[in-house]
Amino acid sequence: MPMSEHVAGPLGILGGTFDPIHFGHLRLAEEARDALGLATVRVIPAGQPPHREQPGTGAEDRLNMARLAIAGVPGYELDDSEVVRQSPSYTVLTLRRLRTELGAARPLVLILGADAFLGLPSWHEWEEILPLAHIAAGTRPGFSLDAAIMGPVLASLFSTAHGSAADLTAPAGRIVPFDMTALDISATGIRATLAAGGSARFLLPDAVLDYIETHHLY
């Protein structure tokens, strides 16, 4: 049995391009951790995100920024495997790797914002995600995951797999919505602000902003 299986509690998984990582990403993870009782959140920067144009910022810089963002923060850990692997970072492949690493019994919880969750049917082998992990879908105030928004395919899955934090003792298989604070922060907006010579302070951790300035990113 892998040693990691002895760690109690569900493991949250926060993947993304993180170009750059910002407080919107971090609050999504923190509010999921608090609302759902996650033992740890593993932050996994994508090496080659397959759903969008390749980032202008190199994978190593994005990895370094993610490392700085969570340095010394209890309950968070960085996973560099997707950057090291240098191949498309499909979520289903990441989850299979984590299952091999952590064993069949550890609860895994994929943390998604509502917009990402609504796009789930476009993902590579998306039907294989729930057998490998739970999905935690963060919803902003005044927004609900109803059938009209989700569409018939996702709505059918949601009605079957809808669960609560109490279900996260099982290894996988539930979709659990949770409320999160609405923060209108985007990596695209931060890059545009910095490119125009504006200030991005208080949109992302100071250590990340210092790294951006030191390495002349954006």
N, C-alpha and C. Protein backbone atom coordinates (compact mmCIF):
# COMPACT_ATOMS: atom_id res chain seq x y z
N MET A 1 0.86 -1.20 0.00
CA MET A 1 0.00 0.00 0.00
C MET A 1 0.89 1.23 0.00
N PRO A 2 0.64 2.20 -0.94
CA PRO A 2 1.46 3.41 -0.95
C PRO A 2 1.37 4.15 0.37
N MET A 3 2.49 4.75 0.78
CA MET A 3 2.51 5.48 2.04
C MET A 3 1.46 6.59 2.09
N SER A 4 1.22 7.23 0.93
CA SER A 4 0.28 8.35 0.90
C SER A 4 -1.13 7.95 1.29
N GLU A 5 -1.48 6.63 1.15
CA GLU A 5 -2.82 6.19 1.50
C GLU A 5 -3.07 6.29 2.99
N HIS A 6 -2.02 6.39 3.78
CA HIS A 6 -2.18 6.49 5.23
C HIS A 6 -2.56 7.91 5.65
N VAL A 7 -2.48 8.88 4.73
CA VAL A 7 -2.83 10.25 5.06
C VAL A 7 -4.35 10.36 5.11
N ALA A 8 -4.87 10.85 6.24
CA ALA A 8 -6.31 10.92 6.41
C ALA A 8 -6.90 12.09 5.63
N GLY A 9 -8.12 11.90 5.19
CA GLY A 9 -8.88 12.99 4.59
C GLY A 9 -8.70 13.12 3.10
N PRO A 10 -9.69 13.76 2.44
CA PRO A 10 -9.65 13.91 1.00
C PRO A 10 -8.57 14.88 0.53
N LEU A 11 -8.02 14.58 -0.64
CA LEU A 11 -7.01 15.42 -1.26
C LEU A 11 -7.66 16.26 -2.35
N GLY A 12 -7.62 17.59 -2.20
CA GLY A 12 -8.10 18.48 -3.25
C GLY A 12 -7.05 18.63 -4.33
N ILE A 13 -7.52 18.75 -5.57
CA ILE A 13 -6.63 18.89 -6.72
C ILE A 13 -7.00 20.16 -7.47
N LEU A 14 -6.07 21.10 -7.53
CA LEU A 14 -6.29 22.35 -8.25
C LEU A 14 -5.31 22.43 -9.41
N GLY A 15 -5.80 22.19 -10.61
CA GLY A 15 -4.96 22.30 -11.80
C GLY A 15 -5.25 23.59 -12.54
N GLY A 16 -4.33 23.97 -13.41
CA GLY A 16 -4.55 25.17 -14.20
C GLY A 16 -3.30 25.63 -14.89
N THR A 17 -3.47 26.56 -15.81
CA THR A 17 -2.32 27.13 -16.49
C THR A 17 -1.53 28.03 -15.55
N PHE A 18 -2.23 28.80 -14.72
CA PHE A 18 -1.62 29.69 -13.73
C PHE A 18 -0.63 30.66 -14.39
N ASP A 19 -1.17 31.46 -15.31
CA ASP A 19 -0.33 32.38 -16.10
C ASP A 19 -0.80 33.82 -15.94
N PRO A 20 -0.65 34.41 -14.74
CA PRO A 20 -0.05 33.86 -13.52
C PRO A 20 -1.12 33.37 -12.54
N ILE A 21 -0.67 32.65 -11.52
CA ILE A 21 -1.56 32.26 -10.43
C ILE A 21 -1.97 33.52 -9.66
N HIS A 22 -3.23 33.58 -9.22
CA HIS A 22 -3.72 34.80 -8.57
C HIS A 22 -4.70 34.44 -7.46
N PHE A 23 -5.23 35.47 -6.79
CA PHE A 23 -6.08 35.24 -5.63
C PHE A 23 -7.40 34.57 -5.99
N GLY A 24 -7.86 34.70 -7.22
CA GLY A 24 -9.05 33.96 -7.63
C GLY A 24 -8.83 32.47 -7.57
N HIS A 25 -7.68 32.00 -8.08
CA HIS A 25 -7.33 30.58 -7.97
C HIS A 25 -7.22 30.15 -6.51
N LEU A 26 -6.53 30.95 -5.74
CA LEU A 26 -6.22 30.57 -4.37
C LEU A 26 -7.45 30.58 -3.47
N ARG A 27 -8.36 31.54 -3.68
CA ARG A 27 -9.60 31.55 -2.89
C ARG A 27 -10.50 30.38 -3.27
N LEU A 28 -10.52 30.01 -4.55
CA LEU A 28 -11.28 28.83 -4.96
C LEU A 28 -10.80 27.61 -4.19
N ALA A 29 -9.48 27.43 -4.12
CA ALA A 29 -8.92 26.29 -3.39
C ALA A 29 -9.21 26.38 -1.90
N GLU A 30 -9.03 27.56 -1.32
CA GLU A 30 -9.18 27.71 0.13
C GLU A 30 -10.64 27.52 0.55
N GLU A 31 -11.57 28.06 -0.22
CA GLU A 31 -12.97 27.92 0.15
C GLU A 31 -13.45 26.49 -0.06
N ALA A 32 -12.91 25.79 -1.05
CA ALA A 32 -13.21 24.36 -1.19
C ALA A 32 -12.65 23.58 0.00
N ARG A 33 -11.44 23.91 0.38
CA ARG A 33 -10.80 23.22 1.52
C ARG A 33 -11.61 23.40 2.79
N ASP A 34 -12.09 24.62 3.00
CA ASP A 34 -12.85 24.93 4.21
C ASP A 34 -14.25 24.31 4.17
N ALA A 35 -14.95 24.47 3.05
CA ALA A 35 -16.34 24.00 2.96
C ALA A 35 -16.45 22.49 2.93
N LEU A 36 -15.45 21.82 2.35
CA LEU A 36 -15.55 20.38 2.12
C LEU A 36 -14.65 19.56 3.03
N GLY A 37 -13.90 20.22 3.89
CA GLY A 37 -13.05 19.48 4.82
C GLY A 37 -11.90 18.75 4.16
N LEU A 38 -11.30 19.37 3.16
CA LEU A 38 -10.17 18.75 2.48
C LEU A 38 -8.93 18.77 3.37
N ALA A 39 -8.24 17.66 3.42
CA ALA A 39 -7.05 17.58 4.26
C ALA A 39 -5.91 18.41 3.68
N THR A 40 -5.77 18.36 2.36
CA THR A 40 -4.68 19.02 1.65
C THR A 40 -5.17 19.40 0.27
N VAL A 41 -4.61 20.47 -0.27
CA VAL A 41 -4.83 20.82 -1.67
C VAL A 41 -3.51 20.72 -2.41
N ARG A 42 -3.52 19.97 -3.49
CA ARG A 42 -2.33 19.83 -4.32
C ARG A 42 -2.50 20.72 -5.55
N VAL A 43 -1.60 21.66 -5.73
CA VAL A 43 -1.63 22.60 -6.85
C VAL A 43 -0.78 22.03 -7.98
N ILE A 44 -1.38 21.88 -9.17
CA ILE A 44 -0.70 21.21 -10.28
C ILE A 44 -0.72 22.11 -11.52
N PRO A 45 0.35 22.87 -11.75
CA PRO A 45 0.41 23.67 -12.97
C PRO A 45 0.49 22.78 -14.21
N ALA A 46 -0.25 23.17 -15.25
CA ALA A 46 -0.22 22.41 -16.50
C ALA A 46 1.05 22.73 -17.28
N GLY A 47 1.69 21.70 -17.79
CA GLY A 47 2.85 21.92 -18.63
C GLY A 47 2.44 22.41 -20.00
N GLN A 48 1.54 21.64 -20.65
CA GLN A 48 1.01 21.99 -21.97
C GLN A 48 -0.50 21.89 -21.92
N PRO A 49 -1.20 22.96 -21.54
CA PRO A 49 -2.66 22.90 -21.47
C PRO A 49 -3.27 22.63 -22.84
N PRO A 50 -4.08 21.58 -22.99
CA PRO A 50 -4.56 21.20 -24.32
C PRO A 50 -5.78 21.98 -24.79
N HIS A 51 -6.48 22.70 -23.91
CA HIS A 51 -7.74 23.33 -24.27
C HIS A 51 -7.60 24.77 -24.74
N ARG A 52 -6.38 25.28 -24.80
CA ARG A 52 -6.20 26.69 -25.16
C ARG A 52 -4.86 26.86 -25.85
N GLU A 53 -4.62 28.06 -26.37
CA GLU A 53 -3.32 28.34 -26.95
C GLU A 53 -2.23 28.16 -25.90
N GLN A 54 -1.05 27.79 -26.36
CA GLN A 54 0.05 27.61 -25.42
C GLN A 54 0.37 28.93 -24.74
N PRO A 55 0.58 28.91 -23.42
CA PRO A 55 0.85 30.15 -22.68
C PRO A 55 2.10 30.84 -23.20
N GLY A 56 2.06 32.16 -23.15
CA GLY A 56 3.26 32.91 -23.52
C GLY A 56 4.36 32.79 -22.49
N THR A 57 3.99 32.46 -21.27
CA THR A 57 4.95 32.29 -20.18
C THR A 57 5.36 30.84 -20.09
N GLY A 58 6.65 30.58 -19.98
CA GLY A 58 7.15 29.22 -19.95
C GLY A 58 6.65 28.44 -18.74
N ALA A 59 6.65 27.12 -18.88
CA ALA A 59 6.14 26.25 -17.82
C ALA A 59 6.93 26.40 -16.54
N GLU A 60 8.24 26.56 -16.63
CA GLU A 60 9.06 26.68 -15.42
C GLU A 60 8.72 27.95 -14.66
N ASP A 61 8.50 29.05 -15.36
CA ASP A 61 8.11 30.29 -14.69
C ASP A 61 6.74 30.14 -14.03
N ARG A 62 5.81 29.51 -14.70
CA ARG A 62 4.48 29.32 -14.11
C ARG A 62 4.55 28.40 -12.89
N LEU A 63 5.39 27.39 -12.97
CA LEU A 63 5.61 26.51 -11.83
C LEU A 63 6.23 27.27 -10.67
N ASN A 64 7.23 28.08 -10.95
CA ASN A 64 7.88 28.86 -9.89
C ASN A 64 6.91 29.83 -9.23
N MET A 65 6.04 30.46 -10.02
CA MET A 65 5.07 31.37 -9.44
C MET A 65 4.08 30.64 -8.54
N ALA A 66 3.65 29.45 -8.96
CA ALA A 66 2.75 28.66 -8.12
C ALA A 66 3.44 28.25 -6.82
N ARG A 67 4.71 27.90 -6.91
CA ARG A 67 5.47 27.52 -5.72
C ARG A 67 5.55 28.69 -4.73
N LEU A 68 5.81 29.88 -5.24
CA LEU A 68 5.88 31.06 -4.39
C LEU A 68 4.53 31.39 -3.76
N ALA A 69 3.46 31.18 -4.51
CA ALA A 69 2.12 31.54 -4.03
C ALA A 69 1.70 30.74 -2.81
N ILE A 70 2.15 29.48 -2.72
CA ILE A 70 1.71 28.63 -1.60
C ILE A 70 2.83 28.32 -0.62
N ALA A 71 3.99 28.92 -0.81
CA ALA A 71 5.12 28.63 0.07
C ALA A 71 4.77 28.93 1.52
N GLY A 72 4.96 27.95 2.37
CA GLY A 72 4.73 28.13 3.80
C GLY A 72 3.28 28.13 4.22
N VAL A 73 2.36 27.90 3.29
CA VAL A 73 0.93 27.91 3.63
C VAL A 73 0.51 26.50 4.04
N PRO A 74 0.05 26.30 5.28
CA PRO A 74 -0.35 24.96 5.71
C PRO A 74 -1.48 24.41 4.86
N GLY A 75 -1.40 23.13 4.56
CA GLY A 75 -2.47 22.47 3.84
C GLY A 75 -2.34 22.52 2.33
N TYR A 76 -1.23 23.03 1.83
CA TYR A 76 -1.03 23.12 0.38
C TYR A 76 0.29 22.47 -0.01
N GLU A 77 0.29 21.84 -1.18
CA GLU A 77 1.52 21.25 -1.70
C GLU A 77 1.55 21.44 -3.22
N LEU A 78 2.75 21.49 -3.77
CA LEU A 78 2.94 21.70 -5.21
C LEU A 78 3.31 20.38 -5.87
N ASP A 79 2.74 20.15 -7.05
CA ASP A 79 3.04 18.96 -7.85
C ASP A 79 3.58 19.45 -9.19
N ASP A 80 4.85 19.13 -9.48
CA ASP A 80 5.48 19.60 -10.71
C ASP A 80 5.44 18.59 -11.84
N SER A 81 4.69 17.50 -11.66
CA SER A 81 4.75 16.38 -12.61
C SER A 81 4.32 16.76 -14.01
N GLU A 82 3.29 17.63 -14.14
CA GLU A 82 2.80 17.98 -15.46
C GLU A 82 3.81 18.83 -16.22
N VAL A 83 4.55 19.65 -15.52
CA VAL A 83 5.59 20.46 -16.16
C VAL A 83 6.76 19.58 -16.55
N VAL A 84 7.15 18.68 -15.67
CA VAL A 84 8.29 17.80 -15.94
C VAL A 84 8.00 16.87 -17.11
N ARG A 85 6.74 16.42 -17.21
CA ARG A 85 6.38 15.41 -18.22
C ARG A 85 6.46 15.95 -19.63
N GLN A 86 6.20 17.24 -19.84
CA GLN A 86 6.31 17.89 -21.15
C GLN A 86 5.44 17.21 -22.20
N SER A 87 4.19 16.93 -21.84
CA SER A 87 3.21 16.41 -22.76
C SER A 87 1.87 17.01 -22.38
N PRO A 88 0.85 16.93 -23.24
CA PRO A 88 -0.43 17.57 -22.94
C PRO A 88 -0.98 17.17 -21.57
N SER A 89 -1.44 18.16 -20.82
CA SER A 89 -1.87 17.95 -19.43
C SER A 89 -3.37 17.68 -19.37
N TYR A 90 -3.78 16.50 -19.81
CA TYR A 90 -5.17 16.11 -19.72
C TYR A 90 -5.52 15.72 -18.29
N THR A 91 -6.64 16.22 -17.80
CA THR A 91 -7.02 15.96 -16.41
C THR A 91 -7.16 14.48 -16.13
N VAL A 92 -7.73 13.74 -17.04
CA VAL A 92 -7.94 12.32 -16.79
C VAL A 92 -6.61 11.59 -16.62
N LEU A 93 -5.59 12.00 -17.35
CA LEU A 93 -4.28 11.38 -17.21
C LEU A 93 -3.65 11.74 -15.86
N THR A 94 -3.85 12.98 -15.45
CA THR A 94 -3.36 13.40 -14.14
C THR A 94 -4.00 12.58 -13.03
N LEU A 95 -5.31 12.38 -13.12
CA LEU A 95 -6.01 11.61 -12.09
C LEU A 95 -5.58 10.15 -12.09
N ARG A 96 -5.34 9.59 -13.25
CA ARG A 96 -4.84 8.20 -13.30
C ARG A 96 -3.47 8.11 -12.64
N ARG A 97 -2.63 9.11 -12.91
CA ARG A 97 -1.31 9.11 -12.27
C ARG A 97 -1.43 9.19 -10.76
N LEU A 98 -2.32 10.05 -10.28
CA LEU A 98 -2.49 10.20 -8.83
C LEU A 98 -3.07 8.93 -8.22
N ARG A 99 -3.94 8.25 -8.92
CA ARG A 99 -4.47 6.98 -8.40
C ARG A 99 -3.35 5.96 -8.26
N THR A 100 -2.46 5.92 -9.24
CA THR A 100 -1.32 5.01 -9.16
C THR A 100 -0.42 5.39 -7.98
N GLU A 101 -0.22 6.67 -7.78
CA GLU A 101 0.65 7.16 -6.71
C GLU A 101 0.05 6.96 -5.33
N LEU A 102 -1.26 7.24 -5.20
CA LEU A 102 -1.89 7.32 -3.88
C LEU A 102 -2.73 6.11 -3.53
N GLY A 103 -3.03 5.26 -4.49
CA GLY A 103 -3.82 4.08 -4.21
C GLY A 103 -5.31 4.29 -4.46
N ALA A 104 -6.06 3.22 -4.41
CA ALA A 104 -7.48 3.25 -4.77
C ALA A 104 -8.37 3.84 -3.69
N ALA A 105 -7.92 3.89 -2.43
CA ALA A 105 -8.80 4.26 -1.33
C ALA A 105 -8.82 5.75 -1.01
N ARG A 106 -7.79 6.48 -1.38
CA ARG A 106 -7.70 7.89 -1.00
C ARG A 106 -8.77 8.71 -1.73
N PRO A 107 -9.59 9.47 -1.03
CA PRO A 107 -10.55 10.36 -1.70
C PRO A 107 -9.81 11.48 -2.44
N LEU A 108 -10.11 11.61 -3.73
CA LEU A 108 -9.56 12.69 -4.54
C LEU A 108 -10.70 13.62 -4.93
N VAL A 109 -10.45 14.92 -4.87
CA VAL A 109 -11.49 15.91 -5.16
C VAL A 109 -10.93 16.93 -6.15
N LEU A 110 -11.43 16.88 -7.37
CA LEU A 110 -11.03 17.83 -8.40
C LEU A 110 -11.79 19.14 -8.20
N ILE A 111 -11.07 20.23 -7.96
CA ILE A 111 -11.68 21.53 -7.66
C ILE A 111 -11.82 22.33 -8.95
N LEU A 112 -13.06 22.72 -9.27
CA LEU A 112 -13.33 23.47 -10.48
C LEU A 112 -14.20 24.67 -10.17
N GLY A 113 -13.96 25.77 -10.85
CA GLY A 113 -14.92 26.85 -10.86
C GLY A 113 -16.13 26.45 -11.68
N ALA A 114 -17.23 27.16 -11.50
CA ALA A 114 -18.46 26.80 -12.19
C ALA A 114 -18.30 26.81 -13.71
N ASP A 115 -17.58 27.79 -14.24
CA ASP A 115 -17.42 27.87 -15.69
C ASP A 115 -16.67 26.67 -16.24
N ALA A 116 -15.61 26.26 -15.53
CA ALA A 116 -14.87 25.07 -15.95
C ALA A 116 -15.74 23.83 -15.87
N PHE A 117 -16.55 23.73 -14.81
CA PHE A 117 -17.43 22.58 -14.67
C PHE A 117 -18.43 22.51 -15.82
N LEU A 118 -18.98 23.65 -16.22
CA LEU A 118 -19.96 23.65 -17.31
C LEU A 118 -19.33 23.22 -18.63
N GLY A 119 -18.01 23.39 -18.78
CA GLY A 119 -17.33 22.96 -19.99
C GLY A 119 -16.84 21.53 -19.96
N LEU A 120 -17.16 20.81 -18.89
CA LEU A 120 -16.62 19.46 -18.70
C LEU A 120 -16.85 18.52 -19.89
N PRO A 121 -18.02 18.51 -20.54
CA PRO A 121 -18.22 17.57 -21.64
C PRO A 121 -17.28 17.76 -22.83
N SER A 122 -16.56 18.87 -22.89
CA SER A 122 -15.60 19.07 -23.98
C SER A 122 -14.22 18.52 -23.64
N TRP A 123 -14.04 18.03 -22.42
CA TRP A 123 -12.72 17.57 -21.98
C TRP A 123 -12.41 16.17 -22.53
N HIS A 124 -11.13 15.89 -22.64
CA HIS A 124 -10.65 14.59 -23.09
C HIS A 124 -11.09 13.48 -22.11
N GLU A 125 -11.80 12.49 -22.63
CA GLU A 125 -12.26 11.34 -21.82
C GLU A 125 -12.95 11.80 -20.54
N TRP A 126 -13.82 12.78 -20.66
CA TRP A 126 -14.41 13.39 -19.47
C TRP A 126 -15.27 12.42 -18.67
N GLU A 127 -15.86 11.42 -19.34
CA GLU A 127 -16.69 10.45 -18.62
C GLU A 127 -15.89 9.60 -17.65
N GLU A 128 -14.56 9.58 -17.82
CA GLU A 128 -13.70 8.77 -16.95
C GLU A 128 -13.25 9.52 -15.71
N ILE A 129 -13.63 10.79 -15.58
CA ILE A 129 -13.15 11.58 -14.45
C ILE A 129 -13.82 11.16 -13.15
N LEU A 130 -15.15 11.04 -13.12
CA LEU A 130 -15.84 10.70 -11.87
C LEU A 130 -15.48 9.33 -11.31
N PRO A 131 -15.19 8.33 -12.12
CA PRO A 131 -14.72 7.08 -11.52
C PRO A 131 -13.38 7.22 -10.80
N LEU A 132 -12.64 8.28 -11.11
CA LEU A 132 -11.32 8.48 -10.52
C LEU A 132 -11.33 9.47 -9.36
N ALA A 133 -12.28 10.41 -9.36
CA ALA A 133 -12.28 11.48 -8.35
C ALA A 133 -13.68 12.05 -8.19
N HIS A 134 -13.90 12.72 -7.09
CA HIS A 134 -15.07 13.58 -6.94
C HIS A 134 -14.79 14.89 -7.68
N ILE A 135 -15.85 15.64 -7.96
CA ILE A 135 -15.71 16.98 -8.52
C ILE A 135 -16.35 17.96 -7.55
N ALA A 136 -15.60 18.97 -7.14
CA ALA A 136 -16.12 20.07 -6.33
C ALA A 136 -16.29 21.27 -7.24
N ALA A 137 -17.53 21.75 -7.38
CA ALA A 137 -17.83 22.85 -8.29
C ALA A 137 -18.15 24.10 -7.50
N GLY A 138 -17.28 25.10 -7.57
CA GLY A 138 -17.48 26.34 -6.84
C GLY A 138 -18.46 27.25 -7.57
N THR A 139 -19.50 27.67 -6.90
CA THR A 139 -20.51 28.53 -7.51
C THR A 139 -20.52 29.89 -6.82
N ARG A 140 -20.61 30.93 -7.61
CA ARG A 140 -20.62 32.29 -7.07
C ARG A 140 -22.01 32.65 -6.56
N PRO A 141 -22.15 33.67 -5.73
CA PRO A 141 -23.46 34.06 -5.20
C PRO A 141 -24.46 34.37 -6.31
N GLY A 142 -25.68 33.87 -6.16
CA GLY A 142 -26.73 34.10 -7.14
C GLY A 142 -26.67 33.19 -8.34
N PHE A 143 -25.74 32.23 -8.34
CA PHE A 143 -25.57 31.33 -9.47
C PHE A 143 -25.84 29.91 -8.99
N SER A 144 -26.69 29.18 -9.71
CA SER A 144 -26.96 27.80 -9.33
C SER A 144 -26.75 26.88 -10.54
N LEU A 145 -26.39 25.66 -10.26
CA LEU A 145 -26.18 24.69 -11.32
C LEU A 145 -27.51 24.01 -11.65
N ASP A 146 -28.31 24.66 -12.49
CA ASP A 146 -29.57 24.05 -12.86
C ASP A 146 -29.47 23.45 -14.26
N ALA A 147 -30.46 22.65 -14.61
CA ALA A 147 -30.41 21.89 -15.85
C ALA A 147 -30.32 22.78 -17.08
N ALA A 148 -30.98 23.92 -17.04
CA ALA A 148 -30.98 24.82 -18.20
C ALA A 148 -29.58 25.33 -18.50
N ILE A 149 -28.81 25.55 -17.45
CA ILE A 149 -27.44 26.04 -17.64
C ILE A 149 -26.50 24.91 -18.05
N MET A 150 -26.68 23.74 -17.45
CA MET A 150 -25.74 22.64 -17.68
C MET A 150 -25.92 21.96 -19.03
N GLY A 151 -27.11 21.96 -19.58
CA GLY A 151 -27.36 21.19 -20.78
C GLY A 151 -27.71 19.76 -20.42
N PRO A 152 -28.33 19.00 -21.35
CA PRO A 152 -28.89 17.69 -21.00
C PRO A 152 -27.86 16.65 -20.56
N VAL A 153 -26.71 16.63 -21.19
CA VAL A 153 -25.72 15.59 -20.87
C VAL A 153 -25.16 15.79 -19.46
N LEU A 154 -24.70 17.01 -19.17
CA LEU A 154 -24.13 17.29 -17.86
C LEU A 154 -25.21 17.27 -16.78
N ALA A 155 -26.41 17.75 -17.12
CA ALA A 155 -27.51 17.74 -16.15
C ALA A 155 -27.87 16.32 -15.74
N SER A 156 -27.85 15.40 -16.68
CA SER A 156 -28.14 14.01 -16.36
C SER A 156 -27.09 13.43 -15.41
N LEU A 157 -25.84 13.72 -15.69
CA LEU A 157 -24.77 13.24 -14.81
C LEU A 157 -24.90 13.86 -13.43
N PHE A 158 -25.18 15.16 -13.39
CA PHE A 158 -25.30 15.87 -12.11
C PHE A 158 -26.44 15.30 -11.26
N SER A 159 -27.56 14.99 -11.88
CA SER A 159 -28.70 14.46 -11.12
C SER A 159 -28.38 13.09 -10.53
N THR A 160 -27.55 12.34 -11.20
CA THR A 160 -27.17 11.01 -10.72
C THR A 160 -26.08 11.07 -9.65
N ALA A 161 -25.13 12.01 -9.84
CA ALA A 161 -23.92 12.01 -9.00
C ALA A 161 -23.91 13.11 -7.95
N HIS A 162 -24.93 13.94 -7.90
CA HIS A 162 -24.96 15.06 -6.96
C HIS A 162 -24.79 14.56 -5.52
N GLY A 163 -23.88 15.19 -4.79
CA GLY A 163 -23.63 14.77 -3.42
C GLY A 163 -23.30 15.94 -2.52
N SER A 164 -22.80 15.63 -1.35
CA SER A 164 -22.45 16.64 -0.36
C SER A 164 -21.08 16.33 0.22
N ALA A 165 -20.61 17.20 1.10
CA ALA A 165 -19.29 17.00 1.71
C ALA A 165 -19.22 15.68 2.46
N ALA A 166 -20.34 15.21 2.97
CA ALA A 166 -20.35 13.95 3.71
C ALA A 166 -19.99 12.76 2.83
N ASP A 167 -20.15 12.90 1.52
CA ASP A 167 -19.85 11.81 0.59
C ASP A 167 -18.36 11.69 0.28
N LEU A 168 -17.57 12.66 0.70
CA LEU A 168 -16.17 12.70 0.30
C LEU A 168 -15.28 11.76 1.08
N THR A 169 -15.87 10.92 1.91
CA THR A 169 -15.08 9.85 2.54
C THR A 169 -14.85 8.71 1.56
N ALA A 170 -15.72 8.59 0.54
CA ALA A 170 -15.52 7.61 -0.53
C ALA A 170 -14.42 8.10 -1.46
N PRO A 171 -13.81 7.20 -2.23
CA PRO A 171 -12.69 7.62 -3.08
C PRO A 171 -13.08 8.54 -4.22
N ALA A 172 -14.28 8.39 -4.80
CA ALA A 172 -14.62 9.12 -6.02
C ALA A 172 -16.12 9.02 -6.27
N GLY A 173 -16.59 9.74 -7.30
CA GLY A 173 -17.91 9.48 -7.83
C GLY A 173 -19.00 10.50 -7.59
N ARG A 174 -18.74 11.59 -6.82
CA ARG A 174 -19.77 12.56 -6.52
C ARG A 174 -19.41 13.94 -7.05
N ILE A 175 -20.45 14.70 -7.41
CA ILE A 175 -20.31 16.11 -7.77
C ILE A 175 -20.87 16.93 -6.62
N VAL A 176 -20.02 17.75 -6.02
CA VAL A 176 -20.40 18.47 -4.81
C VAL A 176 -20.25 19.98 -5.05
N PRO A 177 -21.36 20.70 -5.18
CA PRO A 177 -21.26 22.16 -5.31
C PRO A 177 -20.90 22.80 -3.96
N PHE A 178 -20.23 23.92 -4.01
CA PHE A 178 -19.98 24.71 -2.80
C PHE A 178 -19.98 26.18 -3.18
N ASP A 179 -20.39 27.02 -2.25
CA ASP A 179 -20.45 28.46 -2.50
C ASP A 179 -19.06 29.07 -2.34
N MET A 180 -18.76 30.01 -3.19
CA MET A 180 -17.48 30.70 -3.07
C MET A 180 -17.68 32.20 -3.30
N THR A 181 -16.74 32.96 -2.77
CA THR A 181 -16.77 34.41 -2.93
C THR A 181 -16.53 34.78 -4.39
N ALA A 182 -17.34 35.70 -4.91
CA ALA A 182 -17.16 36.15 -6.28
C ALA A 182 -16.00 37.14 -6.36
N LEU A 183 -14.94 36.77 -7.06
CA LEU A 183 -13.79 37.64 -7.27
C LEU A 183 -13.58 37.81 -8.77
N ASP A 184 -13.72 39.02 -9.24
CA ASP A 184 -13.59 39.28 -10.68
C ASP A 184 -12.12 39.52 -11.01
N ILE A 185 -11.36 38.42 -10.91
CA ILE A 185 -9.92 38.46 -11.20
C ILE A 185 -9.63 37.40 -12.25
N SER A 186 -8.90 37.77 -13.27
CA SER A 186 -8.52 36.79 -14.29
C SER A 186 -7.05 36.95 -14.64
N ALA A 187 -6.43 35.86 -15.03
CA ALA A 187 -5.03 35.93 -15.47
C ALA A 187 -4.91 36.77 -16.73
N THR A 188 -5.90 36.69 -17.61
CA THR A 188 -5.87 37.51 -18.82
C THR A 188 -5.88 39.00 -18.47
N GLY A 189 -6.73 39.37 -17.52
CA GLY A 189 -6.79 40.76 -17.10
C GLY A 189 -5.52 41.23 -16.45
N ILE A 190 -4.91 40.37 -15.63
CA ILE A 190 -3.65 40.73 -14.97
C ILE A 190 -2.56 40.94 -16.01
N ARG A 191 -2.47 40.05 -16.98
CA ARG A 191 -1.45 40.21 -18.03
C ARG A 191 -1.64 41.50 -18.80
N ALA A 192 -2.91 41.82 -19.11
CA ALA A 192 -3.18 43.06 -19.85
C ALA A 192 -2.83 44.29 -19.02
N THR A 193 -3.15 44.26 -17.75
CA THR A 193 -2.83 45.37 -16.86
C THR A 193 -1.32 45.59 -16.79
N LEU A 194 -0.58 44.51 -16.61
CA LEU A 194 0.88 44.64 -16.51
C LEU A 194 1.49 45.07 -17.83
N ALA A 195 0.96 44.56 -18.94
CA ALA A 195 1.49 44.95 -20.25
C ALA A 195 1.28 46.43 -20.53
N ALA A 196 0.21 46.99 -19.94
CA ALA A 196 -0.08 48.41 -20.13
C ALA A 196 0.63 49.29 -19.10
N GLY A 197 1.44 48.66 -18.25
CA GLY A 197 2.18 49.43 -17.24
C GLY A 197 1.40 49.71 -15.98
N GLY A 198 0.25 49.03 -15.80
CA GLY A 198 -0.56 49.24 -14.61
C GLY A 198 -0.12 48.39 -13.44
N SER A 199 -0.79 48.58 -12.33
CA SER A 199 -0.45 47.84 -11.11
C SER A 199 -1.39 46.65 -10.93
N ALA A 200 -0.80 45.50 -10.60
CA ALA A 200 -1.58 44.30 -10.31
C ALA A 200 -1.51 43.95 -8.82
N ARG A 201 -1.00 44.87 -8.02
CA ARG A 201 -0.90 44.59 -6.59
C ARG A 201 -2.29 44.36 -5.99
N PHE A 202 -2.35 43.39 -5.08
CA PHE A 202 -3.58 42.95 -4.41
C PHE A 202 -4.48 42.09 -5.30
N LEU A 203 -4.00 41.74 -6.49
CA LEU A 203 -4.69 40.77 -7.33
C LEU A 203 -4.04 39.39 -7.24
N LEU A 204 -2.81 39.38 -6.77
CA LEU A 204 -2.04 38.15 -6.66
C LEU A 204 -1.01 38.32 -5.54
N PRO A 205 -0.44 37.23 -5.03
CA PRO A 205 0.50 37.35 -3.91
C PRO A 205 1.70 38.24 -4.25
N ASP A 206 2.19 38.97 -3.27
CA ASP A 206 3.33 39.85 -3.49
C ASP A 206 4.54 39.10 -4.02
N ALA A 207 4.77 37.88 -3.52
CA ALA A 207 5.93 37.11 -3.97
C ALA A 207 5.82 36.79 -5.46
N VAL A 208 4.60 36.55 -5.93
CA VAL A 208 4.40 36.27 -7.36
C VAL A 208 4.63 37.54 -8.17
N LEU A 209 4.10 38.66 -7.68
CA LEU A 209 4.30 39.92 -8.39
C LEU A 209 5.77 40.30 -8.43
N ASP A 210 6.50 40.09 -7.35
CA ASP A 210 7.94 40.35 -7.34
C ASP A 210 8.66 39.48 -8.35
N TYR A 211 8.25 38.21 -8.46
CA TYR A 211 8.86 37.30 -9.44
C TYR A 211 8.61 37.81 -10.86
N ILE A 212 7.38 38.23 -11.12
CA ILE A 212 7.04 38.76 -12.45
C ILE A 212 7.92 39.95 -12.80
N GLU A 213 8.08 40.85 -11.85
CA GLU A 213 8.88 42.05 -12.10
C GLU A 213 10.36 41.72 -12.26
N THR A 214 10.86 40.80 -11.43
CA THR A 214 12.28 40.42 -11.50
C THR A 214 12.61 39.75 -12.83
N HIS A 215 11.69 38.93 -13.33
CA HIS A 215 11.95 38.16 -14.56
C HIS A 215 11.34 38.81 -15.80
N HIS A 216 10.80 40.02 -15.63
CA HIS A 216 10.29 40.81 -16.76
C HIS A 216 9.25 40.02 -17.57
N LEU A 217 8.31 39.40 -16.87
CA LEU A 217 7.22 38.68 -17.52
C LEU A 217 6.09 39.66 -17.86
N TYR A 218 5.40 39.38 -18.92
CA TYR A 218 4.22 40.16 -19.35
C TYR A 218 4.58 41.57 -19.75
